[in-house]
Amino acid sequence: MTFEDNEYKKDANFLFKLERHIKQYMFFWIIAESAIIALLIITIMVMLPLKQNVPYLVFFSNAESNFVRVEQGNLNIRSEEALLKSILASYVQKRETINRIDDELRYEDIREQSSNKVWDTFRRIVTQENSIYQNKEIYRKIHIINLSVLSKSVANVDFISITQNTKDKELKRYRATLKYDFIEQGISFESVPRNPTGFIVEDYALTEVFINDQSQKQENK
């Protein structure tokens, strides 16, 4: 074996060892990079909450308020005057309308949006003998003409009622005064309550406003 052969073997062993060390270093470096990436992902997940599916409420327009809005279920409706007025007007509209078509469905909404006292009073009026609600020949349309939010819990709703039977048509003006509140409602995709806004009428008073002389006559209703 010559001197050159020994040198060649030494160089080959050196290169083999060097290659093995380089592969080991690369393997450890890949593991370290993977650990760093995993830590960064965990940090981002902690600092930036993941996107969540949140239930939304859709408010449709009606004859008295012409708009449609989509809001999160936890919306503070008292701070949204247009939505608040729409809910107040809708309550009066549902309560005072008589069309002999969807009365029972509307009254169920009224029950959900009324305190026990308010609902019991309304129920007795509807079911009492000779009540306007019991006369199947009488129909009543409601037109909201003004709505004033007096405070965070009291509002006035002025409206005109057009009552019609087989012979006559009668037009009257009323003012409904509502004391209301909002109770917290649990809304989820699995369970949506019939009254998702939590709107509750705690007191309801109806006053007839005479159109000719603007004097007022209190009516128990």
C-alpha atoms as a PDB file:
ATOM      1  CA  MET A   1       0.000   0.000   0.000  1.00  0.00           C
ATOM      2  CA  THR A   2       1.485   3.305  -0.994  1.00  0.00           C
ATOM      3  CA  PHE A   3       1.470   6.602   0.843  1.00  0.00           C
ATOM      4  CA  GLU A   4      -1.069   7.999  -1.586  1.00  0.00           C
ATOM      5  CA  ASP A   5      -3.478   5.127  -0.823  1.00  0.00           C
ATOM      6  CA  ASN A   6      -3.341   5.888   2.911  1.00  0.00           C
ATOM      7  CA  GLU A   7      -4.062   9.533   2.296  1.00  0.00           C
ATOM      8  CA  TYR A   8      -6.980   8.628   0.053  1.00  0.00           C
ATOM      9  CA  LYS A   9      -8.522   6.389   2.719  1.00  0.00           C
ATOM     10  CA  LYS A  10      -8.107   9.089   5.350  1.00  0.00           C
ATOM     11  CA  ASP A  11      -9.822  11.614   3.100  1.00  0.00           C
ATOM     12  CA  ALA A  12     -12.684   9.195   2.381  1.00  0.00           C
ATOM     13  CA  ASN A  13     -13.221   8.488   6.097  1.00  0.00           C
ATOM     14  CA  PHE A  14     -13.121  12.194   6.833  1.00  0.00           C
ATOM     15  CA  LEU A  15     -15.689  12.963   4.160  1.00  0.00           C
ATOM     16  CA  PHE A  16     -17.957  10.127   5.353  1.00  0.00           C
ATOM     17  CA  LYS A  17     -17.832  11.356   8.951  1.00  0.00           C
ATOM     18  CA  LEU A  18     -18.390  14.935   7.811  1.00  0.00           C
ATOM     19  CA  GLU A  19     -21.423  13.914   5.753  1.00  0.00           C
ATOM     20  CA  ARG A  20     -22.854  11.969   8.698  1.00  0.00           C
ATOM     21  CA  HIS A  21     -22.393  14.954  11.045  1.00  0.00           C
ATOM     22  CA  ILE A  22     -24.013  17.287   8.532  1.00  0.00           C
ATOM     23  CA  LYS A  23     -27.053  14.977   8.262  1.00  0.00           C
ATOM     24  CA  GLN A  24     -27.323  14.847  12.058  1.00  0.00           C
ATOM     25  CA  TYR A  25     -27.145  18.631  12.301  1.00  0.00           C
ATOM     26  CA  MET A  26     -29.815  18.991   9.592  1.00  0.00           C
ATOM     27  CA  PHE A  27     -32.064  16.485  11.364  1.00  0.00           C
ATOM     28  CA  PHE A  28     -31.771  18.349  14.679  1.00  0.00           C
ATOM     29  CA  TRP A  29     -32.299  21.674  12.887  1.00  0.00           C
ATOM     30  CA  ILE A  30     -35.502  20.397  11.253  1.00  0.00           C
ATOM     31  CA  ILE A  31     -36.785  19.249  14.658  1.00  0.00           C
ATOM     32  CA  ALA A  32     -35.922  22.638  16.179  1.00  0.00           C
ATOM     33  CA  GLU A  33     -37.672  24.517  13.357  1.00  0.00           C
ATOM     34  CA  SER A  34     -40.765  22.323  13.721  1.00  0.00           C
ATOM     35  CA  ALA A  35     -40.867  23.036  17.453  1.00  0.00           C
ATOM     36  CA  ILE A  36     -40.523  26.789  16.826  1.00  0.00           C
ATOM     37  CA  ILE A  37     -43.339  26.735  14.241  1.00  0.00           C
ATOM     38  CA  ALA A  38     -45.592  24.817  16.641  1.00  0.00           C
ATOM     39  CA  LEU A  39     -44.898  27.356  19.404  1.00  0.00           C
ATOM     40  CA  LEU A  40     -45.667  30.238  17.033  1.00  0.00           C
ATOM     41  CA  ILE A  41     -48.979  28.646  16.035  1.00  0.00           C
ATOM     42  CA  ILE A  42     -49.942  28.164  19.685  1.00  0.00           C
ATOM     43  CA  THR A  43     -48.980  31.782  20.464  1.00  0.00           C
ATOM     44  CA  ILE A  44     -51.092  33.104  17.582  1.00  0.00           C
ATOM     45  CA  MET A  45     -54.066  31.000  18.697  1.00  0.00           C
ATOM     46  CA  VAL A  46     -53.793  32.422  22.218  1.00  0.00           C
ATOM     47  CA  MET A  47     -53.314  36.048  21.155  1.00  0.00           C
ATOM     48  CA  LEU A  48     -55.893  36.022  18.350  1.00  0.00           C
ATOM     49  CA  PRO A  49     -59.092  34.122  19.274  1.00  0.00           C
ATOM     50  CA  LEU A  50     -60.356  31.735  16.651  1.00  0.00           C
ATOM     51  CA  LYS A  51     -63.311  32.757  14.535  1.00  0.00           C
ATOM     52  CA  GLN A  52     -66.587  31.783  16.205  1.00  0.00           C
ATOM     53  CA  ASN A  53     -70.048  31.272  14.786  1.00  0.00           C
ATOM     54  CA  VAL A  54     -72.276  33.891  16.419  1.00  0.00           C
ATOM     55  CA  PRO A  55     -76.086  33.871  16.053  1.00  0.00           C
ATOM     56  CA  TYR A  56     -77.575  36.955  14.402  1.00  0.00           C
ATOM     57  CA  LEU A  57     -81.047  38.489  14.507  1.00  0.00           C
ATOM     58  CA  VAL A  58     -82.745  39.656  11.318  1.00  0.00           C
ATOM     59  CA  PHE A  59     -85.134  42.604  11.716  1.00  0.00           C
ATOM     60  CA  PHE A  60     -87.548  42.855   8.796  1.00  0.00           C
ATOM     61  CA  SER A  61     -89.405  45.983   7.796  1.00  0.00           C
ATOM     62  CA  ASN A  62     -93.130  46.339   8.310  1.00  0.00           C
ATOM     63  CA  ALA A  63     -95.798  48.716   7.098  1.00  0.00           C
ATOM     64  CA  GLU A  64     -94.712  51.402   9.556  1.00  0.00           C
ATOM     65  CA  SER A  65     -90.907  51.094   9.437  1.00  0.00           C
ATOM     66  CA  ASN A  66     -89.231  50.504   6.106  1.00  0.00           C
ATOM     67  CA  PHE A  67     -85.865  48.809   6.731  1.00  0.00           C
ATOM     68  CA  VAL A  68     -84.151  45.464   7.162  1.00  0.00           C
ATOM     69  CA  ARG A  69     -81.177  44.981   9.483  1.00  0.00           C
ATOM     70  CA  VAL A  70     -79.033  42.095  10.623  1.00  0.00           C
ATOM     71  CA  GLU A  71     -77.512  42.375  14.100  1.00  0.00           C
ATOM     72  CA  GLN A  72     -75.753  40.119  16.576  1.00  0.00           C
ATOM     73  CA  GLY A  73     -77.996  38.434  19.112  1.00  0.00           C
ATOM     74  CA  ASN A  74     -76.459  40.361  22.021  1.00  0.00           C
ATOM     75  CA  LEU A  75     -77.296  43.778  20.543  1.00  0.00           C
ATOM     76  CA  ASN A  76     -78.260  46.534  23.013  1.00  0.00           C
ATOM     77  CA  ILE A  77     -81.560  47.490  21.378  1.00  0.00           C
ATOM     78  CA  ARG A  78     -82.131  50.499  23.634  1.00  0.00           C
ATOM     79  CA  SER A  79     -79.173  52.179  21.927  1.00  0.00           C
ATOM     80  CA  GLU A  80     -80.664  51.502  18.469  1.00  0.00           C
ATOM     81  CA  GLU A  81     -83.643  53.867  18.268  1.00  0.00           C
ATOM     82  CA  ALA A  82     -84.885  52.689  14.868  1.00  0.00           C
ATOM     83  CA  LEU A  83     -84.987  49.054  15.982  1.00  0.00           C
ATOM     84  CA  LEU A  84     -86.579  49.963  19.301  1.00  0.00           C
ATOM     85  CA  LYS A  85     -89.336  51.938  17.588  1.00  0.00           C
ATOM     86  CA  SER A  86     -89.933  49.091  15.171  1.00  0.00           C
ATOM     87  CA  ILE A  87     -90.416  46.633  18.048  1.00  0.00           C
ATOM     88  CA  LEU A  88     -92.749  49.012  19.910  1.00  0.00           C
ATOM     89  CA  ALA A  89     -94.830  49.692  16.800  1.00  0.00           C
ATOM     90  CA  SER A  90     -94.990  45.991  15.992  1.00  0.00           C
ATOM     91  CA  TYR A  91     -96.309  45.173  19.474  1.00  0.00           C
ATOM     92  CA  VAL A  92     -99.138  47.705  19.203  1.00  0.00           C
ATOM     93  CA  GLN A  93     -99.904  46.628  15.639  1.00  0.00           C
ATOM     94  CA  LYS A  94    -100.150  42.960  16.618  1.00  0.00           C
ATOM     95  CA  ARG A  95    -102.218  43.690  19.711  1.00  0.00           C
ATOM     96  CA  GLU A  96    -104.790  46.053  18.204  1.00  0.00           C
ATOM     97  CA  THR A  97    -105.271  44.538  14.725  1.00  0.00           C
ATOM     98  CA  ILE A  98    -108.285  42.278  14.148  1.00  0.00           C
ATOM     99  CA  ASN A  99    -108.298  40.505  10.773  1.00  0.00           C
ATOM    100  CA  ARG A 100    -109.728  37.038  11.615  1.00  0.00           C
ATOM    101  CA  ILE A 101    -106.788  35.425   9.790  1.00  0.00           C
ATOM    102  CA  ASP A 102    -103.721  35.291  12.017  1.00  0.00           C
ATOM    103  CA  ASP A 103    -105.153  36.705  15.241  1.00  0.00           C
ATOM    104  CA  GLU A 104    -104.247  33.679  17.346  1.00  0.00           C
ATOM    105  CA  LEU A 105    -100.641  33.662  16.090  1.00  0.00           C
ATOM    106  CA  ARG A 106    -100.267  37.359  16.842  1.00  0.00           C
ATOM    107  CA  TYR A 107    -101.780  36.956  20.291  1.00  0.00           C
ATOM    108  CA  GLU A 108     -99.215  34.260  21.012  1.00  0.00           C
ATOM    109  CA  ASP A 109     -96.501  36.803  20.175  1.00  0.00           C
ATOM    110  CA  ILE A 110     -98.214  39.279  22.498  1.00  0.00           C
ATOM    111  CA  ARG A 111     -98.207  36.690  25.273  1.00  0.00           C
ATOM    112  CA  GLU A 112     -94.458  36.139  24.824  1.00  0.00           C
ATOM    113  CA  GLN A 113     -93.800  39.898  24.881  1.00  0.00           C
ATOM    114  CA  SER A 114     -96.017  40.770  27.854  1.00  0.00           C
ATOM    115  CA  SER A 115     -95.715  40.466  31.593  1.00  0.00           C
ATOM    116  CA  ASN A 116     -98.178  38.140  33.298  1.00  0.00           C
ATOM    117  CA  LYS A 117    -100.285  41.103  34.420  1.00  0.00           C
ATOM    118  CA  VAL A 118    -100.464  42.686  30.962  1.00  0.00           C
ATOM    119  CA  TRP A 119    -101.212  39.393  29.249  1.00  0.00           C
ATOM    120  CA  ASP A 120    -103.924  38.437  31.750  1.00  0.00           C
ATOM    121  CA  THR A 121    -105.675  41.783  31.217  1.00  0.00           C
ATOM    122  CA  PHE A 122    -105.535  41.445  27.443  1.00  0.00           C
ATOM    123  CA  ARG A 123    -106.695  37.818  27.553  1.00  0.00           C
ATOM    124  CA  ARG A 124    -109.756  38.742  29.613  1.00  0.00           C
ATOM    125  CA  ILE A 125    -110.646  41.537  27.175  1.00  0.00           C
ATOM    126  CA  VAL A 126    -110.366  39.216  24.187  1.00  0.00           C
ATOM    127  CA  THR A 127    -112.388  36.384  25.710  1.00  0.00           C
ATOM    128  CA  GLN A 128    -115.107  38.344  27.502  1.00  0.00           C
ATOM    129  CA  GLU A 129    -118.645  38.037  26.161  1.00  0.00           C
ATOM    130  CA  ASN A 130    -119.755  40.718  23.655  1.00  0.00           C
ATOM    131  CA  SER A 131    -116.150  41.864  23.214  1.00  0.00           C
ATOM    132  CA  ILE A 132    -115.191  43.372  19.867  1.00  0.00           C
ATOM    133  CA  TYR A 133    -112.778  40.474  19.545  1.00  0.00           C
ATOM    134  CA  GLN A 134    -115.634  37.976  19.822  1.00  0.00           C
ATOM    135  CA  ASN A 135    -117.777  39.567  17.110  1.00  0.00           C
ATOM    136  CA  LYS A 136    -116.701  37.734  13.946  1.00  0.00           C
ATOM    137  CA  GLU A 137    -118.183  40.431  11.704  1.00  0.00           C
ATOM    138  CA  ILE A 138    -115.869  43.162  13.007  1.00  0.00           C
ATOM    139  CA  TYR A 139    -112.439  43.876  11.526  1.00  0.00           C
ATOM    140  CA  ARG A 140    -109.907  46.504  12.596  1.00  0.00           C
ATOM    141  CA  LYS A 141    -106.887  47.957  10.809  1.00  0.00           C
ATOM    142  CA  ILE A 142    -104.169  49.926  12.580  1.00  0.00           C
ATOM    143  CA  HIS A 143    -102.023  52.760  11.189  1.00  0.00           C
ATOM    144  CA  ILE A 144     -99.181  54.065  13.355  1.00  0.00           C
ATOM    145  CA  ILE A 145     -98.919  57.847  12.970  1.00  0.00           C
ATOM    146  CA  ASN A 146     -96.368  58.769  15.642  1.00  0.00           C
ATOM    147  CA  LEU A 147     -94.049  57.090  18.131  1.00  0.00           C
ATOM    148  CA  SER A 148     -92.170  58.823  20.937  1.00  0.00           C
ATOM    149  CA  VAL A 149     -89.604  57.166  23.191  1.00  0.00           C
ATOM    150  CA  LEU A 150     -89.979  59.115  26.443  1.00  0.00           C
ATOM    151  CA  SER A 151     -87.305  57.260  28.421  1.00  0.00           C
ATOM    152  CA  LYS A 152     -85.409  54.001  28.412  1.00  0.00           C
ATOM    153  CA  SER A 153     -88.560  52.240  29.671  1.00  0.00           C
ATOM    154  CA  VAL A 154     -91.581  54.324  28.548  1.00  0.00           C
ATOM    155  CA  ALA A 155     -92.923  55.131  25.078  1.00  0.00           C
ATOM    156  CA  ASN A 156     -96.062  56.555  23.458  1.00  0.00           C
ATOM    157  CA  VAL A 157     -97.475  55.108  20.250  1.00  0.00           C
ATOM    158  CA  ASP A 158    -100.151  57.159  18.462  1.00  0.00           C
ATOM    159  CA  PHE A 159    -102.264  55.307  15.938  1.00  0.00           C
ATOM    160  CA  ILE A 160    -105.506  55.433  14.008  1.00  0.00           C
ATOM    161  CA  SER A 161    -107.861  52.464  14.073  1.00  0.00           C
ATOM    162  CA  ILE A 162    -110.295  51.750  11.257  1.00  0.00           C
ATOM    163  CA  THR A 163    -113.034  49.462  12.555  1.00  0.00           C
ATOM    164  CA  GLN A 164    -115.404  47.973  10.022  1.00  0.00           C
ATOM    165  CA  ASN A 165    -118.373  45.636  10.170  1.00  0.00           C
ATOM    166  CA  THR A 166    -120.832  44.564   7.510  1.00  0.00           C
ATOM    167  CA  LYS A 167    -122.516  47.987   7.517  1.00  0.00           C
ATOM    168  CA  ASP A 168    -120.340  50.745   8.958  1.00  0.00           C
ATOM    169  CA  LYS A 169    -116.747  51.931   9.115  1.00  0.00           C
ATOM    170  CA  GLU A 170    -115.483  53.865  12.145  1.00  0.00           C
ATOM    171  CA  LEU A 171    -112.222  55.790  12.461  1.00  0.00           C
ATOM    172  CA  LYS A 172    -110.711  56.574  15.860  1.00  0.00           C
ATOM    173  CA  ARG A 173    -107.403  57.857  17.151  1.00  0.00           C
ATOM    174  CA  TYR A 174    -105.640  56.333  20.166  1.00  0.00           C
ATOM    175  CA  ARG A 175    -102.473  56.732  22.171  1.00  0.00           C
ATOM    176  CA  ALA A 176    -100.900  53.601  23.641  1.00  0.00           C
ATOM    177  CA  THR A 177     -98.485  54.161  26.516  1.00  0.00           C
ATOM    178  CA  LEU A 178     -96.094  51.295  27.118  1.00  0.00           C
ATOM    179  CA  LYS A 179     -93.771  50.607  30.008  1.00  0.00           C
ATOM    180  CA  TYR A 180     -91.264  48.093  28.712  1.00  0.00           C
ATOM    181  CA  ASP A 181     -88.023  46.337  29.499  1.00  0.00           C
ATOM    182  CA  PHE A 182     -85.574  43.891  27.932  1.00  0.00           C
ATOM    183  CA  ILE A 183     -84.687  40.652  29.653  1.00  0.00           C
ATOM    184  CA  GLU A 184     -81.566  38.689  28.840  1.00  0.00           C
ATOM    185  CA  GLN A 185     -82.178  35.845  26.421  1.00  0.00           C
ATOM    186  CA  GLY A 186     -79.920  32.886  25.699  1.00  0.00           C
ATOM    187  CA  ILE A 187     -79.647  32.560  21.917  1.00  0.00           C
ATOM    188  CA  SER A 188     -77.847  29.729  20.166  1.00  0.00           C
ATOM    189  CA  PHE A 189     -78.092  27.838  16.896  1.00  0.00           C
ATOM    190  CA  GLU A 190     -79.715  24.944  18.756  1.00  0.00           C
ATOM    191  CA  SER A 191     -82.280  27.043  20.628  1.00  0.00           C
ATOM    192  CA  VAL A 192     -83.863  30.276  19.364  1.00  0.00           C
ATOM    193  CA  PRO A 193     -86.642  31.634  21.636  1.00  0.00           C
ATOM    194  CA  ARG A 194     -89.905  32.956  20.190  1.00  0.00           C
ATOM    195  CA  ASN A 195     -89.028  36.353  21.676  1.00  0.00           C
ATOM    196  CA  PRO A 196     -85.289  36.589  20.855  1.00  0.00           C
ATOM    197  CA  THR A 197     -84.930  40.285  21.736  1.00  0.00           C
ATOM    198  CA  GLY A 198     -86.268  39.773  25.278  1.00  0.00           C
ATOM    199  CA  PHE A 199     -88.715  42.680  24.815  1.00  0.00           C
ATOM    200  CA  ILE A 200     -91.357  42.689  27.578  1.00  0.00           C
ATOM    201  CA  VAL A 201     -94.275  45.094  28.097  1.00  0.00           C
ATOM    202  CA  GLU A 202     -94.809  45.601  31.817  1.00  0.00           C
ATOM    203  CA  ASP A 203     -97.739  48.053  31.588  1.00  0.00           C
ATOM    204  CA  TYR A 204    -100.058  49.006  28.739  1.00  0.00           C
ATOM    205  CA  ALA A 205    -102.561  51.878  28.811  1.00  0.00           C
ATOM    206  CA  LEU A 206    -104.790  52.971  25.936  1.00  0.00           C
ATOM    207  CA  THR A 207    -106.220  56.482  25.663  1.00  0.00           C
ATOM    208  CA  GLU A 208    -108.712  57.563  23.020  1.00  0.00           C
ATOM    209  CA  VAL A 209    -107.876  60.926  21.458  1.00  0.00           C
ATOM    210  CA  PHE A 210    -110.916  62.636  19.993  1.00  0.00           C
ATOM    211  CA  ILE A 211    -110.000  63.894  16.555  1.00  0.00           C
ATOM    212  CA  ASN A 212    -112.351  66.888  16.600  1.00  0.00           C
ATOM    213  CA  ASP A 213    -111.456  68.638  19.864  1.00  0.00           C
ATOM    214  CA  GLN A 214    -108.209  66.765  20.755  1.00  0.00           C
ATOM    215  CA  SER A 215    -109.585  66.026  24.209  1.00  0.00           C
ATOM    216  CA  GLN A 216    -108.738  62.660  25.667  1.00  0.00           C
ATOM    217  CA  LYS A 217    -110.855  59.942  27.159  1.00  0.00           C
ATOM    218  CA  GLN A 218    -109.219  57.171  29.184  1.00  0.00           C
ATOM    219  CA  GLU A 219    -110.190  53.676  28.125  1.00  0.00           C
ATOM    220  CA  ASN A 220    -109.354  50.641  30.220  1.00  0.00           C
ATOM    221  CA  LYS A 221    -107.539  48.307  27.918  1.00  0.00           C
END
